[in-house]
PDB file of N, CA and C in Angstrom:
ATOM      1  N   MET A   1      12.110  67.877  12.080  1.00  0.00           N
ATOM      2  CA  MET A   1      11.548  69.189  12.231  1.00  0.00           C
ATOM      3  C   MET A   1      10.045  69.052  12.489  1.00  0.00           C
ATOM      4  N   LEU A   2       9.534  69.850  13.413  1.00  0.00           N
ATOM      5  CA  LEU A   2       8.115  69.801  13.750  1.00  0.00           C
ATOM      6  C   LEU A   2       7.240  70.235  12.567  1.00  0.00           C
ATOM      7  N   GLU A   3       6.126  69.536  12.397  1.00  0.00           N
ATOM      8  CA  GLU A   3       5.158  69.904  11.350  1.00  0.00           C
ATOM      9  C   GLU A   3       4.444  71.210  11.688  1.00  0.00           C
ATOM     10  N   ILE A   4       4.229  71.444  12.954  1.00  0.00           N
ATOM     11  CA  ILE A   4       3.425  72.560  13.445  1.00  0.00           C
ATOM     12  C   ILE A   4       2.024  72.462  12.843  1.00  0.00           C
ATOM     13  N   ARG A   5       1.289  71.487  13.319  1.00  0.00           N
ATOM     14  CA  ARG A   5      -0.064  71.225  12.827  1.00  0.00           C
ATOM     15  C   ARG A   5      -0.994  72.389  13.151  1.00  0.00           C
ATOM     16  N   PRO A   6      -1.976  72.628  12.286  1.00  0.00           N
ATOM     17  CA  PRO A   6      -2.790  73.844  12.388  1.00  0.00           C
ATOM     18  C   PRO A   6      -4.005  73.788  13.304  1.00  0.00           C
ATOM     19  N   ASN A   7      -4.270  72.638  13.924  1.00  0.00           N
ATOM     20  CA  ASN A   7      -5.518  72.536  14.682  1.00  0.00           C
ATOM     21  C   ASN A   7      -5.409  71.555  15.838  1.00  0.00           C
ATOM     22  N   CYS A   8      -6.366  71.700  16.763  1.00  0.00           N
ATOM     23  CA  CYS A   8      -6.518  70.731  17.846  1.00  0.00           C
ATOM     24  C   CYS A   8      -7.172  69.492  17.244  1.00  0.00           C
ATOM     25  N   GLU A   9      -6.587  68.349  17.509  1.00  0.00           N
ATOM     26  CA  GLU A   9      -7.095  67.106  16.925  1.00  0.00           C
ATOM     27  C   GLU A   9      -8.402  66.639  17.557  1.00  0.00           C
ATOM     28  N   LEU A  10      -8.808  67.244  18.678  1.00  0.00           N
ATOM     29  CA  LEU A  10     -10.053  66.852  19.320  1.00  0.00           C
ATOM     30  C   LEU A  10     -11.189  67.832  19.011  1.00  0.00           C
ATOM     31  N   CYS A  11     -11.002  69.114  19.304  1.00  0.00           N
ATOM     32  CA  CYS A  11     -12.086  70.092  19.108  1.00  0.00           C
ATOM     33  C   CYS A  11     -11.962  70.863  17.796  1.00  0.00           C
ATOM     34  N   ASP A  12     -10.891  70.666  17.057  1.00  0.00           N
ATOM     35  CA  ASP A  12     -10.634  71.305  15.764  1.00  0.00           C
ATOM     36  C   ASP A  12     -10.405  72.813  15.862  1.00  0.00           C
ATOM     37  N   ARG A  13     -10.073  73.303  17.042  1.00  0.00           N
ATOM     38  CA  ARG A  13      -9.747  74.726  17.204  1.00  0.00           C
ATOM     39  C   ARG A  13      -8.505  75.050  16.388  1.00  0.00           C
ATOM     40  N   ASP A  14      -8.505  76.197  15.727  1.00  0.00           N
ATOM     41  CA  ASP A  14      -7.321  76.650  15.002  1.00  0.00           C
ATOM     42  C   ASP A  14      -6.200  76.939  15.998  1.00  0.00           C
ATOM     43  N   LEU A  15      -4.993  76.463  15.672  1.00  0.00           N
ATOM     44  CA  LEU A  15      -3.803  76.721  16.483  1.00  0.00           C
ATOM     45  C   LEU A  15      -2.728  77.291  15.568  1.00  0.00           C
ATOM     46  N   GLU A  16      -2.682  78.601  15.519  1.00  0.00           N
ATOM     47  CA  GLU A  16      -1.699  79.285  14.681  1.00  0.00           C
ATOM     48  C   GLU A  16      -0.283  78.874  15.102  1.00  0.00           C
ATOM     49  N   PRO A  17       0.698  78.997  14.220  1.00  0.00           N
ATOM     50  CA  PRO A  17       2.076  78.634  14.580  1.00  0.00           C
ATOM     51  C   PRO A  17       2.587  79.357  15.822  1.00  0.00           C
ATOM     52  N   SER A  18       2.073  80.549  16.090  1.00  0.00           N
ATOM     53  CA  SER A  18       2.519  81.321  17.251  1.00  0.00           C
ATOM     54  C   SER A  18       1.637  81.113  18.486  1.00  0.00           C
ATOM     55  N   SER A  19       0.696  80.182  18.433  1.00  0.00           N
ATOM     56  CA  SER A  19      -0.228  79.981  19.550  1.00  0.00           C
ATOM     57  C   SER A  19       0.472  79.420  20.784  1.00  0.00           C
ATOM     58  N   PRO A  20       0.302  80.092  21.931  1.00  0.00           N
ATOM     59  CA  PRO A  20       0.854  79.561  23.176  1.00  0.00           C
ATOM     60  C   PRO A  20      -0.042  78.458  23.755  1.00  0.00           C
ATOM     61  N   ASP A  21      -1.184  78.198  23.121  1.00  0.00           N
ATOM     62  CA  ASP A  21      -2.126  77.188  23.603  1.00  0.00           C
ATOM     63  C   ASP A  21      -1.963  75.826  22.948  1.00  0.00           C
ATOM     64  N   ALA A  22      -0.994  75.660  22.074  1.00  0.00           N
ATOM     65  CA  ALA A  22      -0.785  74.373  21.398  1.00  0.00           C
ATOM     66  C   ALA A  22       0.070  73.457  22.267  1.00  0.00           C
ATOM     67  N   MET A  23      -0.392  72.233  22.423  1.00  0.00           N
ATOM     68  CA  MET A  23       0.322  71.218  23.195  1.00  0.00           C
ATOM     69  C   MET A  23       0.602  70.029  22.273  1.00  0.00           C
ATOM     70  N   ILE A  24       1.769  69.401  22.446  1.00  0.00           N
ATOM     71  CA  ILE A  24       2.114  68.237  21.622  1.00  0.00           C
ATOM     72  C   ILE A  24       2.659  67.110  22.488  1.00  0.00           C
ATOM     73  N   CYS A  25       2.492  65.882  21.985  1.00  0.00           N
ATOM     74  CA  CYS A  25       3.121  64.728  22.622  1.00  0.00           C
ATOM     75  C   CYS A  25       4.410  64.435  21.855  1.00  0.00           C
ATOM     76  N   THR A  26       5.085  63.389  22.235  1.00  0.00           N
ATOM     77  CA  THR A  26       6.357  63.060  21.593  1.00  0.00           C
ATOM     78  C   THR A  26       6.210  62.699  20.116  1.00  0.00           C
ATOM     79  N   TYR A  27       4.998  62.326  19.690  1.00  0.00           N
ATOM     80  CA  TYR A  27       4.758  62.020  18.277  1.00  0.00           C
ATOM     81  C   TYR A  27       4.130  63.201  17.544  1.00  0.00           C
ATOM     82  N   GLU A  28       4.072  64.341  18.188  1.00  0.00           N
ATOM     83  CA  GLU A  28       3.533  65.582  17.666  1.00  0.00           C
ATOM     84  C   GLU A  28       2.015  65.570  17.487  1.00  0.00           C
ATOM     85  N   CYS A  29       1.324  64.676  18.182  1.00  0.00           N
ATOM     86  CA  CYS A  29      -0.124  64.789  18.231  1.00  0.00           C
ATOM     87  C   CYS A  29      -0.379  66.158  18.846  1.00  0.00           C
ATOM     88  N   THR A  30      -1.310  66.911  18.299  1.00  0.00           N
ATOM     89  CA  THR A  30      -1.477  68.307  18.674  1.00  0.00           C
ATOM     90  C   THR A  30      -2.888  68.564  19.209  1.00  0.00           C
ATOM     91  N   TYR A  31      -2.947  69.172  20.380  1.00  0.00           N
ATOM     92  CA  TYR A  31      -4.218  69.490  21.025  1.00  0.00           C
ATOM     93  C   TYR A  31      -4.110  70.869  21.667  1.00  0.00           C
ATOM     94  N   CYS A  32      -5.245  71.518  21.872  1.00  0.00           N
ATOM     95  CA  CYS A  32      -5.228  72.808  22.573  1.00  0.00           C
ATOM     96  C   CYS A  32      -5.106  72.538  24.071  1.00  0.00           C
ATOM     97  N   VAL A  33      -4.625  73.529  24.782  1.00  0.00           N
ATOM     98  CA  VAL A  33      -4.407  73.376  26.219  1.00  0.00           C
ATOM     99  C   VAL A  33      -5.707  73.044  26.940  1.00  0.00           C
ATOM    100  N   ASN A  34      -6.844  73.589  26.483  1.00  0.00           N
ATOM    101  CA  ASN A  34      -8.123  73.284  27.113  1.00  0.00           C
ATOM    102  C   ASN A  34      -8.459  71.798  27.001  1.00  0.00           C
ATOM    103  N   CYS A  35      -8.313  71.211  25.818  1.00  0.00           N
ATOM    104  CA  CYS A  35      -8.614  69.789  25.653  1.00  0.00           C
ATOM    105  C   CYS A  35      -7.648  68.924  26.460  1.00  0.00           C
ATOM    106  N   VAL A  36      -6.368  69.300  26.495  1.00  0.00           N
ATOM    107  CA  VAL A  36      -5.374  68.534  27.263  1.00  0.00           C
ATOM    108  C   VAL A  36      -5.737  68.530  28.741  1.00  0.00           C
ATOM    109  N   GLU A  37      -6.127  69.685  29.271  1.00  0.00           N
ATOM    110  CA  GLU A  37      -6.428  69.778  30.699  1.00  0.00           C
ATOM    111  C   GLU A  37      -7.808  69.227  31.053  1.00  0.00           C
ATOM    112  N   GLU A  38      -8.822  69.565  30.276  1.00  0.00           N
ATOM    113  CA  GLU A  38     -10.200  69.210  30.616  1.00  0.00           C
ATOM    114  C   GLU A  38     -10.615  67.793  30.200  1.00  0.00           C
ATOM    115  N   HIS A  39     -10.194  67.354  29.029  1.00  0.00           N
ATOM    116  CA  HIS A  39     -10.664  66.078  28.504  1.00  0.00           C
ATOM    117  C   HIS A  39      -9.602  64.976  28.535  1.00  0.00           C
ATOM    118  N   LEU A  40      -8.377  65.342  28.231  1.00  0.00           N
ATOM    119  CA  LEU A  40      -7.330  64.321  28.093  1.00  0.00           C
ATOM    120  C   LEU A  40      -6.533  64.100  29.366  1.00  0.00           C
ATOM    121  N   LYS A  41      -6.616  65.015  30.306  1.00  0.00           N
ATOM    122  CA  LYS A  41      -5.918  64.889  31.595  1.00  0.00           C
ATOM    123  C   LYS A  41      -4.441  64.569  31.409  1.00  0.00           C
ATOM    124  N   ASP A  42      -3.821  65.224  30.412  1.00  0.00           N
ATOM    125  CA  ASP A  42      -2.401  65.070  30.108  1.00  0.00           C
ATOM    126  C   ASP A  42      -2.047  63.659  29.615  1.00  0.00           C
ATOM    127  N   VAL A  43      -2.999  62.997  28.955  1.00  0.00           N
ATOM    128  CA  VAL A  43      -2.767  61.674  28.373  1.00  0.00           C
ATOM    129  C   VAL A  43      -3.058  61.758  26.878  1.00  0.00           C
ATOM    130  N   CYS A  44      -2.058  61.506  26.044  1.00  0.00           N
ATOM    131  CA  CYS A  44      -2.296  61.471  24.606  1.00  0.00           C
ATOM    132  C   CYS A  44      -3.182  60.274  24.291  1.00  0.00           C
ATOM    133  N   PRO A  45      -4.314  60.482  23.608  1.00  0.00           N
ATOM    134  CA  PRO A  45      -5.213  59.370  23.329  1.00  0.00           C
ATOM    135  C   PRO A  45      -4.672  58.375  22.302  1.00  0.00           C
ATOM    136  N   LYS A  46      -3.585  58.730  21.636  1.00  0.00           N
ATOM    137  CA  LYS A  46      -2.993  57.814  20.654  1.00  0.00           C
ATOM    138  C   LYS A  46      -1.890  56.971  21.275  1.00  0.00           C
ATOM    139  N   CYS A  47      -0.913  57.626  21.928  1.00  0.00           N
ATOM    140  CA  CYS A  47       0.250  56.881  22.425  1.00  0.00           C
ATOM    141  C   CYS A  47       0.264  56.696  23.936  1.00  0.00           C
ATOM    142  N   GLY A  48      -0.547  57.465  24.675  1.00  0.00           N
ATOM    143  CA  GLY A  48      -0.565  57.361  26.128  1.00  0.00           C
ATOM    144  C   GLY A  48       0.487  58.214  26.813  1.00  0.00           C
ATOM    145  N   GLY A  49       1.282  58.930  26.032  1.00  0.00           N
ATOM    146  CA  GLY A  49       2.300  59.810  26.616  1.00  0.00           C
ATOM    147  C   GLY A  49       1.681  61.093  27.136  1.00  0.00           C
ATOM    148  N   ASN A  50       2.529  61.977  27.632  1.00  0.00           N
ATOM    149  CA  ASN A  50       2.043  63.261  28.140  1.00  0.00           C
ATOM    150  C   ASN A  50       2.274  64.363  27.121  1.00  0.00           C
ATOM    151  N   PHE A  51       1.964  65.602  27.493  1.00  0.00           N
ATOM    152  CA  PHE A  51       2.059  66.743  26.584  1.00  0.00           C
ATOM    153  C   PHE A  51       3.009  67.801  27.114  1.00  0.00           C
ATOM    154  N   GLN A  52       3.540  68.571  26.186  1.00  0.00           N
ATOM    155  CA  GLN A  52       4.356  69.744  26.482  1.00  0.00           C
ATOM    156  C   GLN A  52       3.873  70.865  25.573  1.00  0.00           C
ATOM    157  N   LYS A  53       4.148  72.105  25.976  1.00  0.00           N
ATOM    158  CA  LYS A  53       3.812  73.230  25.094  1.00  0.00           C
ATOM    159  C   LYS A  53       4.607  73.102  23.800  1.00  0.00           C
ATOM    160  N   ARG A  54       3.936  73.345  22.684  1.00  0.00           N
ATOM    161  CA  ARG A  54       4.616  73.289  21.395  1.00  0.00           C
ATOM    162  C   ARG A  54       5.524  74.512  21.268  1.00  0.00           C
ATOM    163  N   PRO A  55       6.769  74.321  20.867  1.00  0.00           N
ATOM    164  CA  PRO A  55       7.648  75.482  20.666  1.00  0.00           C
ATOM    165  C   PRO A  55       7.110  76.373  19.552  1.00  0.00           C
ATOM    166  N   ILE A  56       7.446  77.641  19.638  1.00  0.00           N
ATOM    167  CA  ILE A  56       7.011  78.601  18.624  1.00  0.00           C
ATOM    168  C   ILE A  56       8.174  78.867  17.677  1.00  0.00           C
ATOM    169  N   ARG A  57       7.963  78.569  16.396  1.00  0.00           N
ATOM    170  CA  ARG A  57       8.983  78.810  15.379  1.00  0.00           C
ATOM    171  C   ARG A  57       8.991  80.299  15.025  1.00  0.00           C
ATOM    172  N   PRO A  58      10.149  80.928  15.006  1.00  0.00           N
ATOM    173  CA  PRO A  58      10.211  82.355  14.637  1.00  0.00           C
ATOM    174  C   PRO A  58       9.613  82.590  13.251  1.00  0.00           C
ATOM    175  N   GLN A  59       9.049  83.779  13.080  1.00  0.00           N
ATOM    176  CA  GLN A  59       8.448  84.159  11.799  1.00  0.00           C
ATOM    177  C   GLN A  59       9.482  84.207  10.678  1.00  0.00           C
ATOM    178  N   ALA A  60      10.627  84.779  10.977  1.00  0.00           N
ATOM    179  CA  ALA A  60      11.650  85.000   9.950  1.00  0.00           C
ATOM    180  C   ALA A  60      13.000  84.479  10.440  1.00  0.00           C
ATOM    181  N   ALA A  61      13.916  84.346   9.509  1.00  0.00           N
ATOM    182  CA  ALA A  61      15.283  83.956   9.862  1.00  0.00           C
ATOM    183  C   ALA A  61      15.910  85.095  10.655  1.00  0.00           C
ATOM    184  N   LEU A  62      16.277  84.841  11.880  1.00  0.00           N
ATOM    185  CA  LEU A  62      16.837  85.879  12.734  1.00  0.00           C
ATOM    186  C   LEU A  62      18.357  85.987  12.596  1.00  0.00           C
ATOM    187  N   ARG A  63      18.951  85.032  11.926  1.00  0.00           N
ATOM    188  CA  ARG A  63      20.374  85.080  11.595  1.00  0.00           C
ATOM    189  C   ARG A  63      20.474  85.055  10.075  1.00  0.00           C
ATOM    190  N   SER A  64      21.110  86.039   9.515  1.00  0.00           N
ATOM    191  CA  SER A  64      21.141  86.169   8.055  1.00  0.00           C
ATOM    192  C   SER A  64      21.810  84.988   7.365  1.00  0.00           C
ATOM    193  N   GLU A  65      22.718  84.316   8.044  1.00  0.00           N
ATOM    194  CA  GLU A  65      23.426  83.201   7.416  1.00  0.00           C
ATOM    195  C   GLU A  65      22.634  81.883   7.484  1.00  0.00           C
ATOM    196  N   ARG A  66      21.503  81.885   8.195  1.00  0.00           N
ATOM    197  CA  ARG A  66      20.713  80.662   8.361  1.00  0.00           C
ATOM    198  C   ARG A  66      19.364  80.803   7.654  1.00  0.00           C
ATOM    199  N   ARG A  67      18.941  79.763   6.983  1.00  0.00           N
ATOM    200  CA  ARG A  67      17.632  79.756   6.318  1.00  0.00           C
ATOM    201  C   ARG A  67      16.635  79.056   7.245  1.00  0.00           C
ATOM    202  N   LEU A  68      16.214  79.792   8.265  1.00  0.00           N
ATOM    203  CA  LEU A  68      15.308  79.249   9.268  1.00  0.00           C
ATOM    204  C   LEU A  68      14.060  80.105   9.356  1.00  0.00           C
ATOM    205  N   GLY A  69      13.151  79.734  10.227  1.00  0.00           N
ATOM    206  CA  GLY A  69      11.920  80.479  10.430  1.00  0.00           C
ATOM    207  C   GLY A  69      10.795  79.978   9.533  1.00  0.00           C
ATOM    208  N   LEU A  70       9.596  80.470   9.807  1.00  0.00           N
ATOM    209  CA  LEU A  70       8.414  80.043   9.047  1.00  0.00           C
ATOM    210  C   LEU A  70       8.514  80.372   7.569  1.00  0.00           C
ATOM    211  N   GLY A  71       9.244  81.418   7.227  1.00  0.00           N
ATOM    212  CA  GLY A  71       9.409  81.772   5.824  1.00  0.00           C
ATOM    213  C   GLY A  71      10.121  80.695   5.027  1.00  0.00           C
ATOM    214  N   HIS A  72      11.016  79.985   5.661  1.00  0.00           N
ATOM    215  CA  HIS A  72      11.773  78.915   4.991  1.00  0.00           C
ATOM    216  C   HIS A  72      11.214  77.526   5.313  1.00  0.00           C
ATOM    217  N   HIS A  73      10.603  77.387   6.465  1.00  0.00           N
ATOM    218  CA  HIS A  73      10.038  76.114   6.906  1.00  0.00           C
ATOM    219  C   HIS A  73       8.629  76.379   7.424  1.00  0.00           C
ATOM    220  N   PRO A  74       7.654  76.509   6.513  1.00  0.00           N
ATOM    221  CA  PRO A  74       6.290  76.868   6.924  1.00  0.00           C
ATOM    222  C   PRO A  74       5.600  75.772   7.729  1.00  0.00           C
ATOM    223  N   ALA A  75       4.620  76.203   8.503  1.00  0.00           N
ATOM    224  CA  ALA A  75       3.799  75.270   9.267  1.00  0.00           C
ATOM    225  C   ALA A  75       2.927  74.453   8.320  1.00  0.00           C
ATOM    226  N   SER A  76       2.530  73.286   8.764  1.00  0.00           N
ATOM    227  CA  SER A  76       1.644  72.429   7.978  1.00  0.00           C
ATOM    228  C   SER A  76       0.266  73.082   7.845  1.00  0.00           C
ATOM    229  N   THR A  77      -0.396  72.798   6.761  1.00  0.00           N
ATOM    230  CA  THR A  77      -1.787  73.233   6.574  1.00  0.00           C
ATOM    231  C   THR A  77      -2.734  72.036   6.606  1.00  0.00           C
ATOM    232  N   ASP A  78      -2.191  70.836   6.786  1.00  0.00           N
ATOM    233  CA  ASP A  78      -2.996  69.612   6.824  1.00  0.00           C
ATOM    234  C   ASP A  78      -3.630  69.450   8.201  1.00  0.00           C
ATOM    235  N   ARG A  79      -4.939  69.504   8.238  1.00  0.00           N
ATOM    236  CA  ARG A  79      -5.654  69.344   9.499  1.00  0.00           C
ATOM    237  C   ARG A  79      -5.696  67.867   9.865  1.00  0.00           C
ATOM    238  N   VAL A  80      -5.471  67.568  11.139  1.00  0.00           N
ATOM    239  CA  VAL A  80      -5.449  66.199  11.639  1.00  0.00           C
ATOM    240  C   VAL A  80      -6.534  66.077  12.699  1.00  0.00           C
ATOM    241  N   HIS A  81      -7.227  64.944  12.729  1.00  0.00           N
ATOM    242  CA  HIS A  81      -8.278  64.695  13.711  1.00  0.00           C
ATOM    243  C   HIS A  81      -8.039  63.336  14.346  1.00  0.00           C
ATOM    244  N   THR A  82      -8.293  63.241  15.631  1.00  0.00           N
ATOM    245  CA  THR A  82      -8.104  61.978  16.325  1.00  0.00           C
ATOM    246  C   THR A  82      -9.037  60.920  15.728  1.00  0.00           C
ATOM    247  N   PRO A  83      -8.563  59.696  15.604  1.00  0.00           N
ATOM    248  CA  PRO A  83      -9.417  58.637  15.048  1.00  0.00           C
ATOM    249  C   PRO A  83     -10.352  58.021  16.091  1.00  0.00           C
ATOM    250  N   TYR A  84     -10.273  58.489  17.345  1.00  0.00           N
ATOM    251  CA  TYR A  84     -11.042  57.882  18.428  1.00  0.00           C
ATOM    252  C   TYR A  84     -12.272  58.707  18.794  1.00  0.00           C
ATOM    253  N   THR A  85     -13.290  58.040  19.277  1.00  0.00           N
ATOM    254  CA  THR A  85     -14.485  58.737  19.753  1.00  0.00           C
ATOM    255  C   THR A  85     -14.190  59.347  21.121  1.00  0.00           C
ATOM    256  N   ARG A  86     -14.997  60.306  21.512  1.00  0.00           N
ATOM    257  CA  ARG A  86     -14.821  60.918  22.839  1.00  0.00           C
ATOM    258  C   ARG A  86     -15.004  59.874  23.941  1.00  0.00           C
ATOM    259  N   GLU A  87     -15.910  58.927  23.736  1.00  0.00           N
ATOM    260  CA  GLU A  87     -16.137  57.876  24.728  1.00  0.00           C
ATOM    261  C   GLU A  87     -14.906  56.979  24.848  1.00  0.00           C
ATOM    262  N   ASN A  88     -14.333  56.608  23.706  1.00  0.00           N
ATOM    263  CA  ASN A  88     -13.133  55.777  23.720  1.00  0.00           C
ATOM    264  C   ASN A  88     -11.983  56.518  24.389  1.00  0.00           C
ATOM    265  N   ILE A  89     -11.857  57.810  24.100  1.00  0.00           N
ATOM    266  CA  ILE A  89     -10.798  58.617  24.710  1.00  0.00           C
ATOM    267  C   ILE A  89     -10.992  58.681  26.219  1.00  0.00           C
ATOM    268  N   ALA A  90     -12.207  58.936  26.679  1.00  0.00           N
ATOM    269  CA  ALA A  90     -12.477  59.030  28.115  1.00  0.00           C
ATOM    270  C   ALA A  90     -12.117  57.737  28.828  1.00  0.00           C
ATOM    271  N   GLU A  91     -12.451  56.608  28.223  1.00  0.00           N
ATOM    272  CA  GLU A  91     -12.131  55.309  28.814  1.00  0.00           C
ATOM    273  C   GLU A  91     -10.608  55.111  28.893  1.00  0.00           C
ATOM    274  N   PHE A  92      -9.907  55.450  27.823  1.00  0.00           N
ATOM    275  CA  PHE A  92      -8.447  55.311  27.781  1.00  0.00           C
ATOM    276  C   PHE A  92      -7.791  56.228  28.817  1.00  0.00           C
ATOM    277  N   VAL A  93      -8.270  57.465  28.900  1.00  0.00           N
ATOM    278  CA  VAL A  93      -7.718  58.433  29.858  1.00  0.00           C
ATOM    279  C   VAL A  93      -7.934  57.942  31.292  1.00  0.00           C
ATOM    280  N   ARG A  94      -9.110  57.414  31.597  1.00  0.00           N
ATOM    281  CA  ARG A  94      -9.368  56.867  32.941  1.00  0.00           C
ATOM    282  C   ARG A  94      -8.382  55.753  33.267  1.00  0.00           C
ATOM    283  N   LYS A  95      -8.094  54.934  32.301  1.00  0.00           N
ATOM    284  CA  LYS A  95      -7.197  53.790  32.500  1.00  0.00           C
ATOM    285  C   LYS A  95      -5.741  54.218  32.708  1.00  0.00           C
ATOM    286  N   VAL A  96      -5.303  55.240  32.005  1.00  0.00           N
ATOM    287  CA  VAL A  96      -3.889  55.611  31.971  1.00  0.00           C
ATOM    288  C   VAL A  96      -3.519  56.767  32.899  1.00  0.00           C
ATOM    289  N   SER A  97      -4.443  57.676  33.157  1.00  0.00           N
ATOM    290  CA  SER A  97      -4.097  58.930  33.832  1.00  0.00           C
ATOM    291  C   SER A  97      -3.574  58.769  35.255  1.00  0.00           C
ATOM    292  N   GLY A  98      -3.861  57.680  35.913  1.00  0.00           N
ATOM    293  CA  GLY A  98      -3.366  57.468  37.271  1.00  0.00           C
ATOM    294  C   GLY A  98      -1.896  57.090  37.341  1.00  0.00           C
ATOM    295  N   THR A  99      -1.291  56.846  36.215  1.00  0.00           N
ATOM    296  CA  THR A  99       0.130  56.479  36.157  1.00  0.00           C
ATOM    297  C   THR A  99       0.935  57.672  35.683  1.00  0.00           C
ATOM    298  N   ALA A 100       1.995  57.988  36.400  1.00  0.00           N
ATOM    299  CA  ALA A 100       2.847  59.118  36.017  1.00  0.00           C
ATOM    300  C   ALA A 100       3.435  58.873  34.619  1.00  0.00           C
ATOM    301  N   PRO A 101       3.615  59.941  33.814  1.00  0.00           N
ATOM    302  CA  PRO A 101       4.118  59.785  32.466  1.00  0.00           C
ATOM    303  C   PRO A 101       5.406  58.953  32.366  1.00  0.00           C
ATOM    304  N   GLU A 102       6.298  59.135  33.309  1.00  0.00           N
ATOM    305  CA  GLU A 102       7.575  58.390  33.245  1.00  0.00           C
ATOM    306  C   GLU A 102       7.415  56.902  33.546  1.00  0.00           C
ATOM    307  N   ASN A 103       6.235  56.485  34.016  1.00  0.00           N
ATOM    308  CA  ASN A 103       5.991  55.070  34.316  1.00  0.00           C
ATOM    309  C   ASN A 103       4.973  54.421  33.391  1.00  0.00           C
ATOM    310  N   ARG A 104       4.520  55.153  32.392  1.00  0.00           N
ATOM    311  CA  ARG A 104       3.496  54.594  31.485  1.00  0.00           C
ATOM    312  C   ARG A 104       4.103  53.618  30.517  1.00  0.00           C
TER     313      ARG A 104
END
């Protein structure tokens, strides 16, 4: 189950669980769409994979027989920050971004 991290790991922008601007990689590294497009060029600075829009978890259980939704499975409140400097990220992105995600 997705953690639904609360912030962009690069600029620390708040990303509410319902934010359409949250992007994640396959390891759930979380960044805002602006950082993914402007700084990361669709390259995760940790794994080198690409990003997809983070799914939005419903607020409440929409089926009475299922215990789903944020009420039963809340989003994480633990803020995560990339361990890399902006310079290190830029160098990594330059190296990797020319290769299509399926060939990385």
